[in-house]
Amino acid sequence: MTLSSQEIQELAKELADRLYLQIAGWHLYLGDAGLAEPLAIECAARLELGAGVCARQALEAVQVPIGGGATKLPLARLVPAGQLQDLEELLAERTA
């Protein structure tokens, strides 16, 4: 299953306000961090793998620049476990 560009944009909008990074107790929503669209694109590319695998692989694929870009971490290392479950639920709705 592939998503159209409009469906990717709709997914990005949902991700923007629902998922966040957690750093030192602070929550930074993906929309504010500029990471919602890259994550939506990575999810769309893996959707046929199923919601769980898709979510984990997409979070690993999105690299987040830290400290002015000198270091990059996978988004998966910055997102709490509960947020992974939320992402899986959003993706499951699209694979059903």
PDB file of N, CA and C in Angstrom:
ATOM      1  N   MET A   1       0.843  -1.184   0.000  1.00  0.00           N
ATOM      2  CA  MET A   1       0.000   0.000   0.000  1.00  0.00           C
ATOM      3  C   MET A   1       0.883   1.240   0.000  1.00  0.00           C
ATOM      4  N   THR A   2       0.576   2.164  -0.881  1.00  0.00           N
ATOM      5  CA  THR A   2       1.310   3.416  -0.921  1.00  0.00           C
ATOM      6  C   THR A   2       0.357   4.566  -0.606  1.00  0.00           C
ATOM      7  N   LEU A   3       0.921   5.614  -0.083  1.00  0.00           N
ATOM      8  CA  LEU A   3       0.137   6.799   0.254  1.00  0.00           C
ATOM      9  C   LEU A   3       0.366   7.867  -0.802  1.00  0.00           C
ATOM     10  N   SER A   4      -0.670   8.598  -1.141  1.00  0.00           N
ATOM     11  CA  SER A   4      -0.534   9.730  -2.051  1.00  0.00           C
ATOM     12  C   SER A   4       0.158  10.873  -1.311  1.00  0.00           C
ATOM     13  N   SER A   5       0.589  11.865  -2.053  1.00  0.00           N
ATOM     14  CA  SER A   5       1.247  13.006  -1.402  1.00  0.00           C
ATOM     15  C   SER A   5       0.294  13.719  -0.448  1.00  0.00           C
ATOM     16  N   GLN A   6      -0.980  13.752  -0.786  1.00  0.00           N
ATOM     17  CA  GLN A   6      -1.966  14.372   0.109  1.00  0.00           C
ATOM     18  C   GLN A   6      -2.104  13.562   1.396  1.00  0.00           C
ATOM     19  N   GLU A   7      -2.107  12.237   1.285  1.00  0.00           N
ATOM     20  CA  GLU A   7      -2.205  11.383   2.467  1.00  0.00           C
ATOM     21  C   GLU A   7      -0.959  11.501   3.340  1.00  0.00           C
ATOM     22  N   ILE A   8       0.193  11.676   2.711  1.00  0.00           N
ATOM     23  CA  ILE A   8       1.432  11.878   3.473  1.00  0.00           C
ATOM     24  C   ILE A   8       1.351  13.191   4.236  1.00  0.00           C
ATOM     25  N   GLN A   9       0.832  14.226   3.598  1.00  0.00           N
ATOM     26  CA  GLN A   9       0.685  15.522   4.266  1.00  0.00           C
ATOM     27  C   GLN A   9      -0.303  15.434   5.425  1.00  0.00           C
ATOM     28  N   GLU A  10      -1.385  14.675   5.242  1.00  0.00           N
ATOM     29  CA  GLU A  10      -2.357  14.492   6.326  1.00  0.00           C
ATOM     30  C   GLU A  10      -1.724  13.748   7.497  1.00  0.00           C
ATOM     31  N   LEU A  11      -0.923  12.721   7.188  1.00  0.00           N
ATOM     32  CA  LEU A  11      -0.220  11.986   8.239  1.00  0.00           C
ATOM     33  C   LEU A  11       0.754  12.918   8.959  1.00  0.00           C
ATOM     34  N   ALA A  12       1.472  13.727   8.215  1.00  0.00           N
ATOM     35  CA  ALA A  12       2.423  14.667   8.824  1.00  0.00           C
ATOM     36  C   ALA A  12       1.703  15.623   9.775  1.00  0.00           C
ATOM     37  N   LYS A  13       0.521  16.097   9.396  1.00  0.00           N
ATOM     38  CA  LYS A  13      -0.245  16.995  10.266  1.00  0.00           C
ATOM     39  C   LYS A  13      -0.642  16.293  11.559  1.00  0.00           C
ATOM     40  N   GLU A  14      -1.038  15.021  11.464  1.00  0.00           N
ATOM     41  CA  GLU A  14      -1.403  14.273  12.667  1.00  0.00           C
ATOM     42  C   GLU A  14      -0.185  14.044  13.558  1.00  0.00           C
ATOM     43  N   LEU A  15       0.936  13.729  12.944  1.00  0.00           N
ATOM     44  CA  LEU A  15       2.164  13.495  13.701  1.00  0.00           C
ATOM     45  C   LEU A  15       2.648  14.773  14.382  1.00  0.00           C
ATOM     46  N   ALA A  16       2.475  15.898  13.710  1.00  0.00           N
ATOM     47  CA  ALA A  16       2.997  17.187  14.187  1.00  0.00           C
ATOM     48  C   ALA A  16       2.484  17.553  15.569  1.00  0.00           C
ATOM     49  N   ASP A  17       1.215  17.292  15.812  1.00  0.00           N
ATOM     50  CA  ASP A  17       0.603  17.706  17.076  1.00  0.00           C
ATOM     51  C   ASP A  17       0.428  16.575  18.082  1.00  0.00           C
ATOM     52  N   ARG A  18       0.716  15.349  17.662  1.00  0.00           N
ATOM     53  CA  ARG A  18       0.469  14.212  18.550  1.00  0.00           C
ATOM     54  C   ARG A  18       1.754  13.626  19.128  1.00  0.00           C
ATOM     55  N   LEU A  19       2.831  13.614  18.348  1.00  0.00           N
ATOM     56  CA  LEU A  19       4.078  12.996  18.797  1.00  0.00           C
ATOM     57  C   LEU A  19       5.100  14.053  19.198  1.00  0.00           C
ATOM     58  N   TYR A  20       5.932  13.691  20.153  1.00  0.00           N
ATOM     59  CA  TYR A  20       6.939  14.633  20.632  1.00  0.00           C
ATOM     60  C   TYR A  20       8.243  13.918  20.974  1.00  0.00           C
ATOM     61  N   LEU A  21       9.306  14.706  21.008  1.00  0.00           N
ATOM     62  CA  LEU A  21      10.601  14.274  21.527  1.00  0.00           C
ATOM     63  C   LEU A  21      10.584  14.594  23.015  1.00  0.00           C
ATOM     64  N   GLN A  22      11.258  13.807  23.789  1.00  0.00           N
ATOM     65  CA  GLN A  22      11.373  14.127  25.208  1.00  0.00           C
ATOM     66  C   GLN A  22      12.848  14.226  25.552  1.00  0.00           C
ATOM     67  N   ILE A  23      13.240  15.416  25.987  1.00  0.00           N
ATOM     68  CA  ILE A  23      14.636  15.675  26.346  1.00  0.00           C
ATOM     69  C   ILE A  23      14.642  16.392  27.683  1.00  0.00           C
ATOM     70  N   ALA A  24      15.266  15.780  28.673  1.00  0.00           N
ATOM     71  CA  ALA A  24      15.378  16.360  30.017  1.00  0.00           C
ATOM     72  C   ALA A  24      14.024  16.809  30.559  1.00  0.00           C
ATOM     73  N   GLY A  25      13.001  16.000  30.332  1.00  0.00           N
ATOM     74  CA  GLY A  25      11.681  16.322  30.854  1.00  0.00           C
ATOM     75  C   GLY A  25      10.890  17.293  29.990  1.00  0.00           C
ATOM     76  N   TRP A  26      11.474  17.813  28.940  1.00  0.00           N
ATOM     77  CA  TRP A  26      10.796  18.748  28.049  1.00  0.00           C
ATOM     78  C   TRP A  26      10.192  17.988  26.877  1.00  0.00           C
ATOM     79  N   HIS A  27       9.038  18.432  26.417  1.00  0.00           N
ATOM     80  CA  HIS A  27       8.394  17.840  25.251  1.00  0.00           C
ATOM     81  C   HIS A  27       8.498  18.826  24.095  1.00  0.00           C
ATOM     82  N   LEU A  28       9.039  18.355  22.992  1.00  0.00           N
ATOM     83  CA  LEU A  28       9.124  19.159  21.768  1.00  0.00           C
ATOM     84  C   LEU A  28       8.348  18.406  20.693  1.00  0.00           C
ATOM     85  N   TYR A  29       7.223  18.958  20.305  1.00  0.00           N
ATOM     86  CA  TYR A  29       6.372  18.290  19.323  1.00  0.00           C
ATOM     87  C   TYR A  29       7.054  18.253  17.956  1.00  0.00           C
ATOM     88  N   LEU A  30       6.800  17.178  17.217  1.00  0.00           N
ATOM     89  CA  LEU A  30       7.471  16.982  15.937  1.00  0.00           C
ATOM     90  C   LEU A  30       7.201  18.114  14.958  1.00  0.00           C
ATOM     91  N   GLY A  31       6.029  18.700  15.013  1.00  0.00           N
ATOM     92  CA  GLY A  31       5.726  19.831  14.135  1.00  0.00           C
ATOM     93  C   GLY A  31       6.620  21.018  14.436  1.00  0.00           C
ATOM     94  N   ASP A  32       6.846  21.287  15.712  1.00  0.00           N
ATOM     95  CA  ASP A  32       7.708  22.398  16.109  1.00  0.00           C
ATOM     96  C   ASP A  32       9.169  22.115  15.777  1.00  0.00           C
ATOM     97  N   ALA A  33       9.543  20.851  15.801  1.00  0.00           N
ATOM     98  CA  ALA A  33      10.924  20.463  15.521  1.00  0.00           C
ATOM     99  C   ALA A  33      11.197  20.290  14.024  1.00  0.00           C
ATOM    100  N   GLY A  34      10.153  20.360  13.200  1.00  0.00           N
ATOM    101  CA  GLY A  34      10.328  20.174  11.762  1.00  0.00           C
ATOM    102  C   GLY A  34      10.576  18.720  11.375  1.00  0.00           C
ATOM    103  N   LEU A  35      10.103  17.801  12.195  1.00  0.00           N
ATOM    104  CA  LEU A  35      10.366  16.378  11.953  1.00  0.00           C
ATOM    105  C   LEU A  35       9.124  15.588  11.557  1.00  0.00           C
ATOM    106  N   ALA A  36       7.965  16.213  11.554  1.00  0.00           N
ATOM    107  CA  ALA A  36       6.735  15.490  11.230  1.00  0.00           C
ATOM    108  C   ALA A  36       6.721  15.021   9.775  1.00  0.00           C
ATOM    109  N   GLU A  37       7.098  15.877   8.854  1.00  0.00           N
ATOM    110  CA  GLU A  37       7.075  15.493   7.437  1.00  0.00           C
ATOM    111  C   GLU A  37       8.120  14.426   7.110  1.00  0.00           C
ATOM    112  N   PRO A  38       9.372  14.566   7.571  1.00  0.00           N
ATOM    113  CA  PRO A  38      10.328  13.482   7.303  1.00  0.00           C
ATOM    114  C   PRO A  38       9.874  12.138   7.865  1.00  0.00           C
ATOM    115  N   LEU A  39       9.254  12.149   9.049  1.00  0.00           N
ATOM    116  CA  LEU A  39       8.773  10.899   9.627  1.00  0.00           C
ATOM    117  C   LEU A  39       7.607  10.349   8.805  1.00  0.00           C
ATOM    118  N   ALA A  40       6.708  11.199   8.359  1.00  0.00           N
ATOM    119  CA  ALA A  40       5.583  10.752   7.531  1.00  0.00           C
ATOM    120  C   ALA A  40       6.077  10.119   6.236  1.00  0.00           C
ATOM    121  N   ILE A  41       7.092  10.693   5.639  1.00  0.00           N
ATOM    122  CA  ILE A  41       7.656  10.148   4.399  1.00  0.00           C
ATOM    123  C   ILE A  41       8.281   8.779   4.648  1.00  0.00           C
ATOM    124  N   GLU A  42       9.028   8.656   5.733  1.00  0.00           N
ATOM    125  CA  GLU A  42       9.646   7.366   6.069  1.00  0.00           C
ATOM    126  C   GLU A  42       8.583   6.318   6.372  1.00  0.00           C
ATOM    127  N   CYS A  43       7.523   6.719   7.055  1.00  0.00           N
ATOM    128  CA  CYS A  43       6.435   5.780   7.348  1.00  0.00           C
ATOM    129  C   CYS A  43       5.753   5.331   6.061  1.00  0.00           C
ATOM    130  N   ALA A  44       5.485   6.267   5.166  1.00  0.00           N
ATOM    131  CA  ALA A  44       4.815   5.938   3.907  1.00  0.00           C
ATOM    132  C   ALA A  44       5.624   4.928   3.097  1.00  0.00           C
ATOM    133  N   ALA A  45       6.937   5.034   3.161  1.00  0.00           N
ATOM    134  CA  ALA A  45       7.806   4.125   2.404  1.00  0.00           C
ATOM    135  C   ALA A  45       7.813   2.710   2.976  1.00  0.00           C
ATOM    136  N   ARG A  46       7.385   2.553   4.231  1.00  0.00           N
ATOM    137  CA  ARG A  46       7.464   1.252   4.907  1.00  0.00           C
ATOM    138  C   ARG A  46       6.104   0.700   5.324  1.00  0.00           C
ATOM    139  N   LEU A  47       5.050   1.333   4.948  1.00  0.00           N
ATOM    140  CA  LEU A  47       3.717   0.988   5.432  1.00  0.00           C
ATOM    141  C   LEU A  47       3.337  -0.460   5.155  1.00  0.00           C
ATOM    142  N   GLU A  48       3.817  -1.024   4.058  1.00  0.00           N
ATOM    143  CA  GLU A  48       3.468  -2.402   3.715  1.00  0.00           C
ATOM    144  C   GLU A  48       4.071  -3.424   4.678  1.00  0.00           C
ATOM    145  N   LEU A  49       4.997  -3.002   5.540  1.00  0.00           N
ATOM    146  CA  LEU A  49       5.620  -3.896   6.517  1.00  0.00           C
ATOM    147  C   LEU A  49       4.745  -4.133   7.748  1.00  0.00           C
ATOM    148  N   GLY A  50       3.680  -3.369   7.862  1.00  0.00           N
ATOM    149  CA  GLY A  50       2.821  -3.450   9.035  1.00  0.00           C
ATOM    150  C   GLY A  50       3.142  -2.311   9.981  1.00  0.00           C
ATOM    151  N   ALA A  51       2.180  -1.931  10.789  1.00  0.00           N
ATOM    152  CA  ALA A  51       2.299  -0.741  11.639  1.00  0.00           C
ATOM    153  C   ALA A  51       3.475  -0.807  12.607  1.00  0.00           C
ATOM    154  N   GLY A  52       3.673  -1.938  13.275  1.00  0.00           N
ATOM    155  CA  GLY A  52       4.732  -2.037  14.278  1.00  0.00           C
ATOM    156  C   GLY A  52       6.119  -1.919  13.686  1.00  0.00           C
ATOM    157  N   VAL A  53       6.385  -2.693  12.650  1.00  0.00           N
ATOM    158  CA  VAL A  53       7.703  -2.660  11.996  1.00  0.00           C
ATOM    159  C   VAL A  53       7.929  -1.314  11.331  1.00  0.00           C
ATOM    160  N   CYS A  54       6.900  -0.821  10.670  1.00  0.00           N
ATOM    161  CA  CYS A  54       6.980   0.474   9.993  1.00  0.00           C
ATOM    162  C   CYS A  54       7.359   1.576  10.975  1.00  0.00           C
ATOM    163  N   ALA A  55       6.686   1.631  12.118  1.00  0.00           N
ATOM    164  CA  ALA A  55       6.940   2.678  13.106  1.00  0.00           C
ATOM    165  C   ALA A  55       8.377   2.619  13.601  1.00  0.00           C
ATOM    166  N   ARG A  56       8.846   1.429  13.957  1.00  0.00           N
ATOM    167  CA  ARG A  56      10.205   1.296  14.488  1.00  0.00           C
ATOM    168  C   ARG A  56      11.262   1.654  13.451  1.00  0.00           C
ATOM    169  N   GLN A  57      11.103   1.151  12.236  1.00  0.00           N
ATOM    170  CA  GLN A  57      12.092   1.425  11.195  1.00  0.00           C
ATOM    171  C   GLN A  57      12.092   2.894  10.792  1.00  0.00           C
ATOM    172  N   ALA A  58      10.922   3.502  10.713  1.00  0.00           N
ATOM    173  CA  ALA A  58      10.845   4.919  10.335  1.00  0.00           C
ATOM    174  C   ALA A  58      11.496   5.800  11.400  1.00  0.00           C
ATOM    175  N   LEU A  59      11.256   5.487  12.679  1.00  0.00           N
ATOM    176  CA  LEU A  59      11.878   6.272  13.755  1.00  0.00           C
ATOM    177  C   LEU A  59      13.400   6.117  13.744  1.00  0.00           C
ATOM    178  N   GLU A  60      13.901   4.969  13.347  1.00  0.00           N
ATOM    179  CA  GLU A  60      15.348   4.763  13.241  1.00  0.00           C
ATOM    180  C   GLU A  60      15.922   5.505  12.040  1.00  0.00           C
ATOM    181  N   ALA A  61      15.140   5.618  10.966  1.00  0.00           N
ATOM    182  CA  ALA A  61      15.621   6.222   9.727  1.00  0.00           C
ATOM    183  C   ALA A  61      15.742   7.744   9.806  1.00  0.00           C
ATOM    184  N   VAL A  62      14.876   8.381  10.576  1.00  0.00           N
ATOM    185  CA  VAL A  62      14.913   9.847  10.684  1.00  0.00           C
ATOM    186  C   VAL A  62      16.042  10.234  11.640  1.00  0.00           C
ATOM    187  N   GLN A  63      17.008  10.946  11.118  1.00  0.00           N
ATOM    188  CA  GLN A  63      18.161  11.387  11.898  1.00  0.00           C
ATOM    189  C   GLN A  63      17.944  12.823  12.373  1.00  0.00           C
ATOM    190  N   VAL A  64      18.119  13.047  13.663  1.00  0.00           N
ATOM    191  CA  VAL A  64      17.891  14.357  14.275  1.00  0.00           C
ATOM    192  C   VAL A  64      19.241  15.011  14.568  1.00  0.00           C
ATOM    193  N   PRO A  65      19.519  16.159  13.943  1.00  0.00           N
ATOM    194  CA  PRO A  65      20.781  16.839  14.220  1.00  0.00           C
ATOM    195  C   PRO A  65      20.784  17.443  15.629  1.00  0.00           C
ATOM    196  N   ILE A  66      21.861  17.229  16.340  1.00  0.00           N
ATOM    197  CA  ILE A  66      22.028  17.727  17.705  1.00  0.00           C
ATOM    198  C   ILE A  66      23.255  18.642  17.725  1.00  0.00           C
ATOM    199  N   GLY A  67      23.183  19.706  18.483  1.00  0.00           N
ATOM    200  CA  GLY A  67      24.338  20.597  18.630  1.00  0.00           C
ATOM    201  C   GLY A  67      24.780  21.228  17.329  1.00  0.00           C
ATOM    202  N   GLY A  68      23.838  21.757  16.575  1.00  0.00           N
ATOM    203  CA  GLY A  68      24.182  22.431  15.332  1.00  0.00           C
ATOM    204  C   GLY A  68      24.513  21.472  14.201  1.00  0.00           C
ATOM    205  N   GLY A  69      24.161  20.214  14.359  1.00  0.00           N
ATOM    206  CA  GLY A  69      24.376  19.237  13.299  1.00  0.00           C
ATOM    207  C   GLY A  69      25.662  18.447  13.418  1.00  0.00           C
ATOM    208  N   ALA A  70      26.468  18.746  14.443  1.00  0.00           N
ATOM    209  CA  ALA A  70      27.731  18.031  14.620  1.00  0.00           C
ATOM    210  C   ALA A  70      27.491  16.554  14.916  1.00  0.00           C
ATOM    211  N   THR A  71      26.386  16.251  15.552  1.00  0.00           N
ATOM    212  CA  THR A  71      26.007  14.883  15.898  1.00  0.00           C
ATOM    213  C   THR A  71      24.573  14.657  15.457  1.00  0.00           C
ATOM    214  N   LYS A  72      24.265  13.436  15.051  1.00  0.00           N
ATOM    215  CA  LYS A  72      22.896  13.075  14.698  1.00  0.00           C
ATOM    216  C   LYS A  72      22.510  11.829  15.466  1.00  0.00           C
ATOM    217  N   LEU A  73      21.273  11.838  15.948  1.00  0.00           N
ATOM    218  CA  LEU A  73      20.709  10.687  16.650  1.00  0.00           C
ATOM    219  C   LEU A  73      19.450  10.236  15.925  1.00  0.00           C
ATOM    220  N   PRO A  74      19.186   8.937  15.911  1.00  0.00           N
ATOM    221  CA  PRO A  74      17.910   8.499  15.346  1.00  0.00           C
ATOM    222  C   PRO A  74      16.761   9.002  16.216  1.00  0.00           C
ATOM    223  N   LEU A  75      15.693   9.380  15.582  1.00  0.00           N
ATOM    224  CA  LEU A  75      14.513   9.866  16.293  1.00  0.00           C
ATOM    225  C   LEU A  75      14.043   8.847  17.323  1.00  0.00           C
ATOM    226  N   ALA A  76      14.256   7.587  17.058  1.00  0.00           N
ATOM    227  CA  ALA A  76      13.841   6.518  17.979  1.00  0.00           C
ATOM    228  C   ALA A  76      14.465   6.679  19.361  1.00  0.00           C
ATOM    229  N   ARG A  77      15.627   7.278  19.457  1.00  0.00           N
ATOM    230  CA  ARG A  77      16.299   7.441  20.748  1.00  0.00           C
ATOM    231  C   ARG A  77      15.767   8.624  21.537  1.00  0.00           C
ATOM    232  N   LEU A  78      14.934   9.441  20.909  1.00  0.00           N
ATOM    233  CA  LEU A  78      14.438  10.653  21.554  1.00  0.00           C
ATOM    234  C   LEU A  78      12.936  10.623  21.829  1.00  0.00           C
ATOM    235  N   VAL A  79      12.263   9.562  21.372  1.00  0.00           N
ATOM    236  CA  VAL A  79      10.814   9.450  21.506  1.00  0.00           C
ATOM    237  C   VAL A  79      10.497   8.429  22.599  1.00  0.00           C
ATOM    238  N   PRO A  80       9.677   8.794  23.595  1.00  0.00           N
ATOM    239  CA  PRO A  80       9.306   7.843  24.645  1.00  0.00           C
ATOM    240  C   PRO A  80       8.499   6.662  24.097  1.00  0.00           C
ATOM    241  N   ALA A  81       8.498   5.565  24.830  1.00  0.00           N
ATOM    242  CA  ALA A  81       7.808   4.341  24.402  1.00  0.00           C
ATOM    243  C   ALA A  81       6.322   4.572  24.127  1.00  0.00           C
ATOM    244  N   GLY A  82       5.687   5.384  24.930  1.00  0.00           N
ATOM    245  CA  GLY A  82       4.262   5.673  24.719  1.00  0.00           C
ATOM    246  C   GLY A  82       4.007   6.343  23.381  1.00  0.00           C
ATOM    247  N   GLN A  83       4.961   7.126  22.941  1.00  0.00           N
ATOM    248  CA  GLN A  83       4.826   7.793  21.656  1.00  0.00           C
ATOM    249  C   GLN A  83       4.964   6.794  20.505  1.00  0.00           C
ATOM    250  N   LEU A  84       5.784   5.778  20.697  1.00  0.00           N
ATOM    251  CA  LEU A  84       5.900   4.710  19.702  1.00  0.00           C
ATOM    252  C   LEU A  84       4.552   4.023  19.540  1.00  0.00           C
ATOM    253  N   GLN A  85       3.876   3.765  20.639  1.00  0.00           N
ATOM    254  CA  GLN A  85       2.546   3.139  20.574  1.00  0.00           C
ATOM    255  C   GLN A  85       1.547   4.039  19.850  1.00  0.00           C
ATOM    256  N   ASP A  86       1.622   5.341  20.098  1.00  0.00           N
ATOM    257  CA  ASP A  86       0.733   6.274  19.403  1.00  0.00           C
ATOM    258  C   ASP A  86       0.998   6.245  17.895  1.00  0.00           C
ATOM    259  N   LEU A  87       2.265   6.202  17.514  1.00  0.00           N
ATOM    260  CA  LEU A  87       2.618   6.135  16.098  1.00  0.00           C
ATOM    261  C   LEU A  87       2.093   4.839  15.484  1.00  0.00           C
ATOM    262  N   GLU A  88       2.259   3.731  16.179  1.00  0.00           N
ATOM    263  CA  GLU A  88       1.761   2.449  15.677  1.00  0.00           C
ATOM    264  C   GLU A  88       0.247   2.511  15.467  1.00  0.00           C
ATOM    265  N   GLU A  89      -0.478   3.136  16.386  1.00  0.00           N
ATOM    266  CA  GLU A  89      -1.932   3.265  16.251  1.00  0.00           C
ATOM    267  C   GLU A  89      -2.304   4.097  15.037  1.00  0.00           C
ATOM    268  N   LEU A  90      -1.606   5.217  14.819  1.00  0.00           N
ATOM    269  CA  LEU A  90      -1.878   6.049  13.656  1.00  0.00           C
ATOM    270  C   LEU A  90      -1.643   5.290  12.355  1.00  0.00           C
ATOM    271  N   LEU A  91      -0.578   4.493  12.335  1.00  0.00           N
ATOM    272  CA  LEU A  91      -0.258   3.742  11.133  1.00  0.00           C
ATOM    273  C   LEU A  91      -1.205   2.576  10.924  1.00  0.00           C
ATOM    274  N   ALA A  92      -1.650   1.958  12.015  1.00  0.00           N
ATOM    275  CA  ALA A  92      -2.595   0.839  11.907  1.00  0.00           C
ATOM    276  C   ALA A  92      -3.902   1.293  11.259  1.00  0.00           C
ATOM    277  N   GLU A  93      -4.317   2.519  11.531  1.00  0.00           N
ATOM    278  CA  GLU A  93      -5.527   3.062  10.918  1.00  0.00           C
ATOM    279  C   GLU A  93      -5.390   3.136   9.401  1.00  0.00           C
ATOM    280  N   ARG A  94      -4.179   3.320   8.921  1.00  0.00           N
ATOM    281  CA  ARG A  94      -3.941   3.442   7.481  1.00  0.00           C
ATOM    282  C   ARG A  94      -3.737   2.106   6.783  1.00  0.00           C
ATOM    283  N   THR A  95      -3.452   1.074   7.558  1.00  0.00           N
ATOM    284  CA  THR A  95      -3.239  -0.240   6.957  1.00  0.00           C
ATOM    285  C   THR A  95      -4.485  -1.112   7.046  1.00  0.00           C
ATOM    286  N   ALA A  96      -5.480  -0.654   7.794  1.00  0.00           N
ATOM    287  CA  ALA A  96      -6.703  -1.457   7.976  1.00  0.00           C
ATOM    288  C   ALA A  96      -7.607  -1.396   6.761  1.00  0.00           C
TER     289      ALA A  96
END
